[in-house]
Amino acid sequence: MPDAPRAPQRPTVLARHADERVDPYYWLMDREDEEVLAHLRAENAYHAAEMAPLKTLEDRLFEEIKSRIEETDISVPVRKGSWWYFERTREGLNYPISVRAPVEGDGLTPPVVDPASTLPGEQVVLDENAEAGESDFLSVGVLAVSPDAAWVAVGTDFEGAERHSVTVRPLAGQAPLDDRLEDVYYGFAWAADSHHVFYTRVDEAMRPWQLWRHRLGTPQSEDVLVLQEDDAQFTVSVGRSRDDRVIVVALSSSMTTEVRVVAADRPTDPLEVLEARRHGIEYGVEHLVDATGRAWWLKVTNEEATDFRLLARPVAGGEWREIVSERPGQRIDAVDAFAGFLVLSERDDGCAAVRVVPLGDGADPFGDDVLARSWLVEGEVFPRTVGLSANPNSDTPLLRVVLTSMVTPTLVANVDVATRRMTVLKQQRVLGDFDPTRYVTGRLWVEASDGVAVPVSVVARRDRVTLDPDGTPRPAGPSPLLLYGYGSYEISIEPGFSSLRLSLLDRGVVFAVAHVRGGGEMGRSWYEMGRLAQKPTTFSDFVTVARDLVARGFTTPATLALRGGSAGGLLMGAVMNAAPELFRAVVAEVPFVDVLTTMLDDSLPLTVGEWEEWGNPDASATAYRTMKGYSPYDNVRERDHDGRPVRYPELYATGGLNDSRVGFWEPAKWVLRLRDANPENHAVLKTEMGAGHGGPSGRYDAWRDEAQVLAWVLSRIAPEAALEQ
């Protein structure tokens, strides 16, 4: 192996609150500096040299991944208006092809489509392969068909910077338009007339802050600025209600919401403030027209309800009325309104769940006891994930859902709301000799230092782990184990199936997810216990889980690897500092590891908007000290309490040069500081020079990246298994 890359130390003093930090690599932030780019290229060359001895294993893993996947496949068609929409993938092509076909028959049952043939009247909406051309990267951030089905808006990003160029293309044989909208973010909505569109744009800090209205056939210079949000902690998003009658604009910070609306058939009217922002009050709205034709607003809010409640009031006016009260631990995430029923997306026993609420056909569609009439869409395996699939039509007796578990390939089903009968439309096929009965999944509960039980989802080959009668996993003996974690933004890491993961399981590796506080798995309070001043709880939970897995005999420190990305990369860095002796290897993808420096720089993307998540270290000395106490880059240890050099677990880090969420310099600086702390610390860094936060865009490129990561992990925690396969 060549020597690890080094970079010149050019100390920069960073002072706040009578405290000074010295950052020798602050200069690495300049993406235009050729010396910075040369260093990243040197790191990539070092990574390539590291991976060279593993090339045979990497290739084998890549072929395994491909061999399990139907490379030529289709998604389940979804009806919108008089068309069925679905996606095709074709062997050898990196990107999907979006298509549509005319509706025939009853219009409820999707057509059975042969992946190798086309339906009568089938039409290509967008071929992303043709769109990508010779480009190394493509992300389609906007793909929206007009209400009259005659146009499609396509927003493309060829760099990973998340700024899209939107064009409007004909689908019905009409003349092409010259319309081109630049610097568009993800928010986009058609008006009912199919001539106006709403879209959002970002400021210099990548904050979506403006809502614009465009009329087809006119230049962008004539677009109307509908709204500008000047509070840097708020972002602007736009969409349509489930019934397509309302354009919904949400102005949101991490803990406050304001919604404004306009009728979709009156796009030039002023926006109406549905409920003015009040600090700490969050809400989301849906529009419902009941069986009598009466229109209602539905609101899911945390007002007087930590885990949110559902309220309703007539659009014509009146008081809000509680429909579903708060149920601690069963946070309501959202409500979707259909003609004859509501759907609540919520938490149930730490898992994502779907609750169906039938509506009455009288003057009061809700009745007195909504929950008594409601029911959950059931899954057979626990822990599981149940969620909504695409349901673009609100006037339907069928609900499209998706179900999965760590041993259940993802299935898409229609649920007849009247009979509760579920019809499976498609289940992910895993090619080869896959047999789900060879694997087991279950949930552990690990007691944290403050007595709170932390859930851990586990999946393994049946000879490595067994289940107690209550579903608790028990190890047959110590195994190599990969432990995943995230724990931020109230994001829940749902237990789901991965055919890629089988390459680990089949080699005897146990996979586990620690659902630590800071995530949303157990409701809003779970999140609150792992944010702001309580953020260190996220890290201590994870270390406690890792120690517990070792103590129970699932694994050993010599065969325990970790993985996390973005804010999960912060988790990786923090636990490496806290317990470096506990882990053999760590994968940290686009890791947020220079927390304090980033949160002090309000010119960087996301900083101001995330002060409510992490704290504002510029305004608060307490927040400054808290962040300084856990920021991985600021806490790399050279020696332990006994004065001995600290040896860190081996590190595989990644970054993206065009990443607008986590600067490429964060993992680059961190890797250098680890090497400076102890020459025996082994760390490699791979920077995508043409991509952003999400890494490579094409599926084959993503599979190749995953094969690299899995090869590296296996070589560290299961070298014998890696060689045997």
Foldseek 3Di string as FASTA:
>chain_A
DDAADFDFFDWDWDDAPNDTDTFRVPVLQDLVDVSNVVSQVSLQVVLCVVCVVLVVLLVVLLVLQVQFAPQWDKDFWDDDDQKTWIWTGHPPAFDIWIKIAGDDDPNPHTDDDDSVDDDVRIDTQDDVRVVCPPQQFKDWLAWDAANVNFKTWTWIDRFALQWTKIAIAGDPPDDGAPEIDTQFHNAKEAFNVSFKMWTFHADLQRAGFWIWIDGTRDYPVPIDTQGGHPQVQWGWHWYAALARQKIWIWIDFLFKIWIWIDTSNCVVDHTHTPDDIDGRKDKDWHWAQELVRWIKIKIWICVVEQLTFIWMDTPVDDDIDTLGGHDAQWRFDDWHAAHFWIWTFTADPLETWIKIFGFDRDPGRRDDHRVVRIDILDDDDPPKYKAFDDDSHRHDQWGWIWIFAQLFAIWIWIARNVVRDIDTPDGGGTDDPDDSVQKAKAWDWFQFPVRHTWIKIKMAGCQQWPADPVRDIAGPAAFQEEEEEAQASQAFDHGGYDSSCVVQRVLGYMYMYTRQANHNSRGSVSNVCCFALNVVSRLRSVVRVLVVCVVRRHHFQQRYEYEYEASSLLSVLQNQLVCQSRHAEYEYELYQQQPLVQLQDPSAHPNSSCCVGQNRVNVDVSSNVSCCVRRSQNRQALADPVRHGDAGHEYEYEAECSARRRHRVRVVSSVNVNCVSDVNHHYRYNYHDRHYRVPGHTPSVVSSVSSSVVSVSCCRNPVVSSVVD
